[in-house]
Amino acid sequence: MNRDRERLRALESRIGYTFKDRGLLCHAMTHSSYTNEHHMERSGNNERLEFLGDAVLELSSSDYLYREYPDKPEGEMTKFRASVVCEPTLAGCARAISLGECLFLGKGEDAEGGRERDSILSDALEALIGAIYLDGGFADAKKFVFRFIMNDLEHKKLFYDSKTILQEIVQSRMEGELVYELTGEEGPDHMKTFHVQAVIGGRRAGTGQGRTKKAAEQMAAYRTILMLKEKES
């Protein structure tokens, strides 16, 4: 337990917020696999906090985009927000603050790589937002969202839209067909990693890997765009 407390204190230090009610932080880090394994009440997992945090995140991110991009129409802001609060992006934000090491998981989920699973990380991040909201109010929760989620937005949007953006680039330059080739896969069925190569007009471009083929293709497209931008500059 001392080790768990140290990890939670380290998390508070990383995010710059100290909980008045440490129980809320523990609650936010408790996955359903842990409560199931320990025969706890279902309300002991972080799903209700995730529900609350999702709403706080949507309002906070909408507030940020409305103020920072006064010329963007509603449709563009909706797409922009979707790129910021999607599961892979939130999981990346969670990894940036090492949230995975603070999670309370069942032994089976932990052994199967749950601390790195996008769905678990993104849900825990939303639960953390909900916990901060209950502990300190909307202003503190919004401050957290602005600092740790609404940052580096252009890269997040580029990553989210990478396959579409790359397709448009390839079509505009008439460089041939863009395809994604599966070059390998590894790991057991419940925890596979797929490796993909983007190929443009028969020429190899960026590579990517991910837990799904789609995620691997997205990474390959993102890296290809960065390569093309670097060549142009």
C-alpha atoms as a PDB file:
ATOM      1  CA  MET A   1       0.000   0.000   0.000  1.00  0.00           C
ATOM      2  CA  ASN A   2       2.882   2.375   0.730  1.00  0.00           C
ATOM      3  CA  ARG A   3       4.077   1.866  -2.835  1.00  0.00           C
ATOM      4  CA  ASP A   4       0.609   2.702  -4.153  1.00  0.00           C
ATOM      5  CA  ARG A   5       0.480   5.877  -2.041  1.00  0.00           C
ATOM      6  CA  GLU A   6       3.884   6.933  -3.335  1.00  0.00           C
ATOM      7  CA  ARG A   7       2.745   6.467  -6.919  1.00  0.00           C
ATOM      8  CA  LEU A   8      -0.380   8.530  -6.331  1.00  0.00           C
ATOM      9  CA  ARG A   9       1.639  11.279  -4.654  1.00  0.00           C
ATOM     10  CA  ALA A  10       4.012  11.272  -7.625  1.00  0.00           C
ATOM     11  CA  LEU A  11       1.016  11.597  -9.951  1.00  0.00           C
ATOM     12  CA  GLU A  12      -0.250  14.585  -7.961  1.00  0.00           C
ATOM     13  CA  SER A  13       3.187  16.150  -8.296  1.00  0.00           C
ATOM     14  CA  ARG A  14       3.225  15.583 -12.064  1.00  0.00           C
ATOM     15  CA  ILE A  15      -0.174  17.161 -12.624  1.00  0.00           C
ATOM     16  CA  GLY A  16       0.308  19.974 -10.116  1.00  0.00           C
ATOM     17  CA  TYR A  17      -2.845  19.176  -8.163  1.00  0.00           C
ATOM     18  CA  THR A  18      -3.106  17.791  -4.616  1.00  0.00           C
ATOM     19  CA  PHE A  19      -6.363  16.129  -3.674  1.00  0.00           C
ATOM     20  CA  LYS A  20      -8.134  17.177  -0.505  1.00  0.00           C
ATOM     21  CA  ASP A  21      -9.950  13.843  -0.653  1.00  0.00           C
ATOM     22  CA  ARG A  22      -7.342  11.250  -1.659  1.00  0.00           C
ATOM     23  CA  GLY A  23     -10.126   8.670  -1.850  1.00  0.00           C
ATOM     24  CA  LEU A  24     -11.396  10.326  -5.039  1.00  0.00           C
ATOM     25  CA  LEU A  25      -8.017   9.848  -6.684  1.00  0.00           C
ATOM     26  CA  CYS A  26      -7.921   6.173  -5.666  1.00  0.00           C
ATOM     27  CA  HIS A  27     -11.450   5.765  -6.978  1.00  0.00           C
ATOM     28  CA  ALA A  28     -10.473   7.309 -10.337  1.00  0.00           C
ATOM     29  CA  MET A  29      -7.589   4.862 -10.697  1.00  0.00           C
ATOM     30  CA  THR A  30      -9.661   1.744  -9.885  1.00  0.00           C
ATOM     31  CA  HIS A  31     -10.559  -0.353 -12.931  1.00  0.00           C
ATOM     32  CA  SER A  32     -13.530  -2.720 -12.962  1.00  0.00           C
ATOM     33  CA  SER A  33     -11.185  -5.731 -13.191  1.00  0.00           C
ATOM     34  CA  TYR A  34      -9.812  -4.792  -9.748  1.00  0.00           C
ATOM     35  CA  THR A  35     -13.220  -4.463  -8.089  1.00  0.00           C
ATOM     36  CA  ASN A  36     -14.361  -7.718  -9.685  1.00  0.00           C
ATOM     37  CA  GLU A  37     -11.294  -9.583  -8.496  1.00  0.00           C
ATOM     38  CA  HIS A  38     -11.638  -8.244  -4.960  1.00  0.00           C
ATOM     39  CA  HIS A  39     -15.419  -8.791  -4.842  1.00  0.00           C
ATOM     40  CA  MET A  40     -16.059  -5.095  -4.261  1.00  0.00           C
ATOM     41  CA  GLU A  41     -19.279  -3.273  -5.086  1.00  0.00           C
ATOM     42  CA  ARG A  42     -19.522  -2.218  -8.714  1.00  0.00           C
ATOM     43  CA  SER A  43     -19.735   1.433  -7.669  1.00  0.00           C
ATOM     44  CA  GLY A  44     -16.157   1.088  -6.435  1.00  0.00           C
ATOM     45  CA  ASN A  45     -14.735   1.186  -9.972  1.00  0.00           C
ATOM     46  CA  ASN A  46     -14.044   4.362 -11.931  1.00  0.00           C
ATOM     47  CA  GLU A  47     -16.873   4.114 -14.478  1.00  0.00           C
ATOM     48  CA  ARG A  48     -19.152   6.688 -12.820  1.00  0.00           C
ATOM     49  CA  LEU A  49     -16.264   9.140 -12.482  1.00  0.00           C
ATOM     50  CA  GLU A  50     -15.427   8.520 -16.133  1.00  0.00           C
ATOM     51  CA  PHE A  51     -19.014   9.433 -17.063  1.00  0.00           C
ATOM     52  CA  LEU A  52     -18.710  12.687 -15.136  1.00  0.00           C
ATOM     53  CA  GLY A  53     -15.234  13.471 -16.435  1.00  0.00           C
ATOM     54  CA  ASP A  54     -16.351  12.952 -20.022  1.00  0.00           C
ATOM     55  CA  ALA A  55     -18.928  15.733 -19.595  1.00  0.00           C
ATOM     56  CA  VAL A  56     -16.414  18.048 -17.923  1.00  0.00           C
ATOM     57  CA  LEU A  57     -13.907  17.353 -20.701  1.00  0.00           C
ATOM     58  CA  GLU A  58     -16.436  18.122 -23.430  1.00  0.00           C
ATOM     59  CA  LEU A  59     -17.389  21.455 -21.860  1.00  0.00           C
ATOM     60  CA  SER A  60     -13.782  22.438 -21.083  1.00  0.00           C
ATOM     61  CA  SER A  61     -12.483  21.564 -24.549  1.00  0.00           C
ATOM     62  CA  SER A  62     -15.430  23.343 -26.180  1.00  0.00           C
ATOM     63  CA  ASP A  63     -14.733  26.432 -24.052  1.00  0.00           C
ATOM     64  CA  TYR A  64     -11.069  26.383 -25.076  1.00  0.00           C
ATOM     65  CA  LEU A  65     -11.744  26.018 -28.798  1.00  0.00           C
ATOM     66  CA  TYR A  66     -14.474  28.668 -28.754  1.00  0.00           C
ATOM     67  CA  ARG A  67     -12.125  31.222 -27.183  1.00  0.00           C
ATOM     68  CA  GLU A  68      -8.913  30.301 -29.015  1.00  0.00           C
ATOM     69  CA  TYR A  69     -10.393  29.953 -32.516  1.00  0.00           C
ATOM     70  CA  PRO A  70     -12.943  32.790 -32.882  1.00  0.00           C
ATOM     71  CA  ASP A  71     -13.071  32.440 -36.678  1.00  0.00           C
ATOM     72  CA  LYS A  72     -13.738  28.691 -36.850  1.00  0.00           C
ATOM     73  CA  PRO A  73     -17.331  27.725 -37.741  1.00  0.00           C
ATOM     74  CA  GLU A  74     -19.279  25.256 -35.605  1.00  0.00           C
ATOM     75  CA  GLY A  75     -18.652  22.294 -37.915  1.00  0.00           C
ATOM     76  CA  GLU A  76     -14.883  22.743 -37.876  1.00  0.00           C
ATOM     77  CA  MET A  77     -14.814  23.144 -34.103  1.00  0.00           C
ATOM     78  CA  THR A  78     -16.830  19.946 -33.707  1.00  0.00           C
ATOM     79  CA  LYS A  79     -14.323  18.002 -35.830  1.00  0.00           C
ATOM     80  CA  PHE A  80     -11.401  19.641 -34.036  1.00  0.00           C
ATOM     81  CA  ARG A  81     -12.823  18.693 -30.644  1.00  0.00           C
ATOM     82  CA  ALA A  82     -13.384  15.122 -31.821  1.00  0.00           C
ATOM     83  CA  SER A  83      -9.707  14.859 -32.777  1.00  0.00           C
ATOM     84  CA  VAL A  84      -8.651  16.030 -29.317  1.00  0.00           C
ATOM     85  CA  VAL A  85     -10.957  13.895 -27.174  1.00  0.00           C
ATOM     86  CA  CYS A  86     -10.808  10.650 -29.161  1.00  0.00           C
ATOM     87  CA  GLU A  87      -9.571   7.511 -27.409  1.00  0.00           C
ATOM     88  CA  PRO A  88      -6.033   7.315 -28.936  1.00  0.00           C
ATOM     89  CA  THR A  89      -5.354  10.992 -28.227  1.00  0.00           C
ATOM     90  CA  LEU A  90      -6.558  10.775 -24.631  1.00  0.00           C
ATOM     91  CA  ALA A  91      -4.500   7.614 -24.147  1.00  0.00           C
ATOM     92  CA  GLY A  92      -1.443   9.532 -25.364  1.00  0.00           C
ATOM     93  CA  CYS A  93      -2.181  12.305 -22.859  1.00  0.00           C
ATOM     94  CA  ALA A  94      -2.492   9.675 -20.124  1.00  0.00           C
ATOM     95  CA  ARG A  95       0.875   8.178 -21.060  1.00  0.00           C
ATOM     96  CA  ALA A  96       2.469  11.639 -20.923  1.00  0.00           C
ATOM     97  CA  ILE A  97       1.662  11.802 -17.193  1.00  0.00           C
ATOM     98  CA  SER A  98       2.456   8.084 -16.613  1.00  0.00           C
ATOM     99  CA  LEU A  99      -1.115   7.356 -15.579  1.00  0.00           C
ATOM    100  CA  GLY A 100      -0.810   3.643 -16.363  1.00  0.00           C
ATOM    101  CA  GLU A 101       1.567   2.959 -13.490  1.00  0.00           C
ATOM    102  CA  CYS A 102      -0.989   4.336 -11.015  1.00  0.00           C
ATOM    103  CA  LEU A 103      -3.921   2.133 -12.039  1.00  0.00           C
ATOM    104  CA  PHE A 104      -5.458  -0.500  -9.787  1.00  0.00           C
ATOM    105  CA  LEU A 105      -6.045  -3.458 -12.118  1.00  0.00           C
ATOM    106  CA  GLY A 106      -6.993  -7.070 -11.641  1.00  0.00           C
ATOM    107  CA  LYS A 107      -4.045  -9.443 -11.944  1.00  0.00           C
ATOM    108  CA  GLY A 108      -5.324 -10.876 -15.222  1.00  0.00           C
ATOM    109  CA  GLU A 109      -5.874  -7.471 -16.821  1.00  0.00           C
ATOM    110  CA  ASP A 110      -2.487  -6.309 -15.619  1.00  0.00           C
ATOM    111  CA  ALA A 111      -0.771  -9.401 -17.042  1.00  0.00           C
ATOM    112  CA  GLU A 112      -2.471  -8.859 -20.397  1.00  0.00           C
ATOM    113  CA  GLY A 113      -1.066  -5.343 -20.786  1.00  0.00           C
ATOM    114  CA  GLY A 114      -3.982  -3.346 -19.420  1.00  0.00           C
ATOM    115  CA  ARG A 115      -1.735  -0.501 -18.267  1.00  0.00           C
ATOM    116  CA  GLU A 116      -0.945   0.271 -21.911  1.00  0.00           C
ATOM    117  CA  ARG A 117      -4.407  -0.347 -23.386  1.00  0.00           C
ATOM    118  CA  ASP A 118      -5.826   2.794 -24.999  1.00  0.00           C
ATOM    119  CA  SER A 119      -9.369   2.192 -23.795  1.00  0.00           C
ATOM    120  CA  ILE A 120      -8.328   1.749 -20.159  1.00  0.00           C
ATOM    121  CA  LEU A 121      -5.975   4.737 -20.190  1.00  0.00           C
ATOM    122  CA  SER A 122      -8.454   7.103 -21.847  1.00  0.00           C
ATOM    123  CA  ASP A 123     -11.219   6.053 -19.452  1.00  0.00           C
ATOM    124  CA  ALA A 124      -8.928   6.549 -16.449  1.00  0.00           C
ATOM    125  CA  LEU A 125      -7.950  10.011 -17.669  1.00  0.00           C
ATOM    126  CA  GLU A 126     -11.608  11.006 -17.903  1.00  0.00           C
ATOM    127  CA  ALA A 127     -12.188   9.542 -14.430  1.00  0.00           C
ATOM    128  CA  LEU A 128      -9.284  11.644 -13.143  1.00  0.00           C
ATOM    129  CA  ILE A 129     -10.907  14.757 -14.616  1.00  0.00           C
ATOM    130  CA  GLY A 130     -14.156  13.821 -12.880  1.00  0.00           C
ATOM    131  CA  ALA A 131     -12.319  13.328  -9.591  1.00  0.00           C
ATOM    132  CA  ILE A 132     -10.605  16.720  -9.830  1.00  0.00           C
ATOM    133  CA  TYR A 133     -13.977  18.310 -10.603  1.00  0.00           C
ATOM    134  CA  LEU A 134     -15.571  16.815  -7.482  1.00  0.00           C
ATOM    135  CA  ASP A 135     -12.554  17.597  -5.306  1.00  0.00           C
ATOM    136  CA  GLY A 136     -11.720  21.125  -6.424  1.00  0.00           C
ATOM    137  CA  GLY A 137     -14.497  22.349  -8.695  1.00  0.00           C
ATOM    138  CA  PHE A 138     -14.824  23.151 -12.363  1.00  0.00           C
ATOM    139  CA  ALA A 139     -12.033  25.733 -12.434  1.00  0.00           C
ATOM    140  CA  ASP A 140      -9.415  23.197 -11.297  1.00  0.00           C
ATOM    141  CA  ALA A 141     -10.724  20.541 -13.671  1.00  0.00           C
ATOM    142  CA  LYS A 142     -10.663  22.981 -16.575  1.00  0.00           C
ATOM    143  CA  LYS A 143      -7.117  24.027 -15.673  1.00  0.00           C
ATOM    144  CA  PHE A 144      -6.052  20.374 -15.847  1.00  0.00           C
ATOM    145  CA  VAL A 145      -7.760  19.891 -19.232  1.00  0.00           C
ATOM    146  CA  PHE A 146      -6.192  23.040 -20.680  1.00  0.00           C
ATOM    147  CA  ARG A 147      -2.706  22.079 -19.474  1.00  0.00           C
ATOM    148  CA  PHE A 148      -2.594  18.362 -20.245  1.00  0.00           C
ATOM    149  CA  ILE A 149      -5.114  17.801 -23.035  1.00  0.00           C
ATOM    150  CA  MET A 150      -5.573  21.038 -24.962  1.00  0.00           C
ATOM    151  CA  ASN A 151      -1.875  21.245 -25.762  1.00  0.00           C
ATOM    152  CA  ASP A 152      -0.012  20.601 -29.014  1.00  0.00           C
ATOM    153  CA  LEU A 153      -3.354  20.719 -30.810  1.00  0.00           C
ATOM    154  CA  GLU A 154      -2.068  20.923 -34.362  1.00  0.00           C
ATOM    155  CA  HIS A 155      -0.141  17.673 -33.992  1.00  0.00           C
ATOM    156  CA  LYS A 156      -3.106  15.976 -32.341  1.00  0.00           C
ATOM    157  CA  LYS A 157      -5.415  17.048 -35.147  1.00  0.00           C
ATOM    158  CA  LEU A 158      -2.844  15.993 -37.744  1.00  0.00           C
ATOM    159  CA  PHE A 159      -2.540  12.549 -36.144  1.00  0.00           C
ATOM    160  CA  TYR A 160      -6.306  12.109 -35.878  1.00  0.00           C
ATOM    161  CA  ASP A 161      -6.870  13.045 -39.548  1.00  0.00           C
ATOM    162  CA  SER A 162      -3.609  11.554 -40.827  1.00  0.00           C
ATOM    163  CA  LYS A 163      -5.062   8.998 -43.262  1.00  0.00           C
ATOM    164  CA  THR A 164      -7.447  11.520 -44.814  1.00  0.00           C
ATOM    165  CA  ILE A 165      -4.791  14.233 -45.010  1.00  0.00           C
ATOM    166  CA  LEU A 166      -2.229  11.887 -46.594  1.00  0.00           C
ATOM    167  CA  GLN A 167      -4.773  10.668 -49.149  1.00  0.00           C
ATOM    168  CA  GLU A 168      -5.489  14.290 -50.132  1.00  0.00           C
ATOM    169  CA  ILE A 169      -1.767  15.051 -50.457  1.00  0.00           C
ATOM    170  CA  VAL A 170      -1.167  12.003 -52.646  1.00  0.00           C
ATOM    171  CA  GLN A 171      -4.152  12.771 -54.871  1.00  0.00           C
ATOM    172  CA  SER A 172      -3.169  16.428 -55.301  1.00  0.00           C
ATOM    173  CA  ARG A 173       0.361  15.453 -56.339  1.00  0.00           C
ATOM    174  CA  MET A 174      -0.822  12.563 -58.527  1.00  0.00           C
ATOM    175  CA  GLU A 175       1.961  10.369 -57.147  1.00  0.00           C
ATOM    176  CA  GLY A 176       0.098   7.108 -57.632  1.00  0.00           C
ATOM    177  CA  GLU A 177      -1.998   4.896 -55.434  1.00  0.00           C
ATOM    178  CA  LEU A 178      -1.663   5.005 -51.652  1.00  0.00           C
ATOM    179  CA  VAL A 179      -1.908   1.602 -49.988  1.00  0.00           C
ATOM    180  CA  TYR A 180      -1.088   0.203 -46.559  1.00  0.00           C
ATOM    181  CA  GLU A 181       0.712  -3.124 -46.413  1.00  0.00           C
ATOM    182  CA  LEU A 182       0.662  -5.329 -43.344  1.00  0.00           C
ATOM    183  CA  THR A 183       4.304  -6.230 -42.768  1.00  0.00           C
ATOM    184  CA  GLY A 184       3.953  -8.257 -39.607  1.00  0.00           C
ATOM    185  CA  GLU A 185       2.117  -8.967 -36.395  1.00  0.00           C
ATOM    186  CA  GLU A 186       3.266 -10.217 -33.041  1.00  0.00           C
ATOM    187  CA  GLY A 187       1.933 -11.196 -29.652  1.00  0.00           C
ATOM    188  CA  PRO A 188      -0.998 -13.330 -28.481  1.00  0.00           C
ATOM    189  CA  ASP A 189      -4.477 -12.766 -29.915  1.00  0.00           C
ATOM    190  CA  HIS A 190      -5.656 -10.656 -26.979  1.00  0.00           C
ATOM    191  CA  MET A 191      -2.618  -8.351 -27.188  1.00  0.00           C
ATOM    192  CA  LYS A 192      -1.438  -8.257 -30.799  1.00  0.00           C
ATOM    193  CA  THR A 193       0.756  -5.543 -32.259  1.00  0.00           C
ATOM    194  CA  PHE A 194       0.374  -4.918 -35.995  1.00  0.00           C
ATOM    195  CA  HIS A 195       3.104  -3.447 -38.201  1.00  0.00           C
ATOM    196  CA  VAL A 196       2.138  -1.545 -41.352  1.00  0.00           C
ATOM    197  CA  GLN A 197       4.020   0.141 -44.213  1.00  0.00           C
ATOM    198  CA  ALA A 198       2.540   3.020 -46.211  1.00  0.00           C
ATOM    199  CA  VAL A 199       3.326   2.680 -49.919  1.00  0.00           C
ATOM    200  CA  ILE A 200       2.807   5.514 -52.434  1.00  0.00           C
ATOM    201  CA  GLY A 201       2.964   4.640 -56.108  1.00  0.00           C
ATOM    202  CA  GLY A 202       5.030   1.569 -55.312  1.00  0.00           C
ATOM    203  CA  ARG A 203       7.494   3.544 -53.167  1.00  0.00           C
ATOM    204  CA  ARG A 204       7.783   2.732 -49.493  1.00  0.00           C
ATOM    205  CA  ALA A 205       6.988   5.554 -47.085  1.00  0.00           C
ATOM    206  CA  GLY A 206       6.292   5.711 -43.349  1.00  0.00           C
ATOM    207  CA  THR A 207       5.808   2.752 -41.040  1.00  0.00           C
ATOM    208  CA  GLY A 208       3.502   2.350 -38.091  1.00  0.00           C
ATOM    209  CA  GLN A 209       2.489  -0.047 -35.390  1.00  0.00           C
ATOM    210  CA  GLY A 210      -0.566  -0.369 -33.189  1.00  0.00           C
ATOM    211  CA  ARG A 211      -2.915  -2.685 -31.332  1.00  0.00           C
ATOM    212  CA  THR A 212      -5.222  -2.684 -34.368  1.00  0.00           C
ATOM    213  CA  LYS A 213      -4.515  -2.509 -38.098  1.00  0.00           C
ATOM    214  CA  LYS A 214      -6.351   0.814 -38.251  1.00  0.00           C
ATOM    215  CA  ALA A 215      -4.176   2.295 -35.508  1.00  0.00           C
ATOM    216  CA  ALA A 216      -1.033   1.051 -37.246  1.00  0.00           C
ATOM    217  CA  GLU A 217      -2.167   2.585 -40.551  1.00  0.00           C
ATOM    218  CA  GLN A 218      -2.897   5.860 -38.774  1.00  0.00           C
ATOM    219  CA  MET A 219       0.618   5.943 -37.349  1.00  0.00           C
ATOM    220  CA  ALA A 220       2.141   5.072 -40.749  1.00  0.00           C
ATOM    221  CA  ALA A 221       0.170   7.878 -42.395  1.00  0.00           C
ATOM    222  CA  TYR A 222       1.188  10.362 -39.689  1.00  0.00           C
ATOM    223  CA  ARG A 223       4.871   9.499 -40.068  1.00  0.00           C
ATOM    224  CA  THR A 224       4.621   9.732 -43.848  1.00  0.00           C
ATOM    225  CA  ILE A 225       3.137  13.227 -43.599  1.00  0.00           C
ATOM    226  CA  LEU A 226       5.963  14.302 -41.283  1.00  0.00           C
ATOM    227  CA  MET A 227       8.508  12.865 -43.765  1.00  0.00           C
ATOM    228  CA  LEU A 228       6.914  14.784 -46.653  1.00  0.00           C
ATOM    229  CA  LYS A 229       6.839  18.008 -44.655  1.00  0.00           C
ATOM    230  CA  GLU A 230      10.509  17.572 -43.751  1.00  0.00           C
ATOM    231  CA  LYS A 231      11.430  17.090 -47.418  1.00  0.00           C
ATOM    232  CA  GLU A 232       9.562  20.254 -48.356  1.00  0.00           C
ATOM    233  CA  SER A 233      11.365  22.286 -45.733  1.00  0.00           C
END
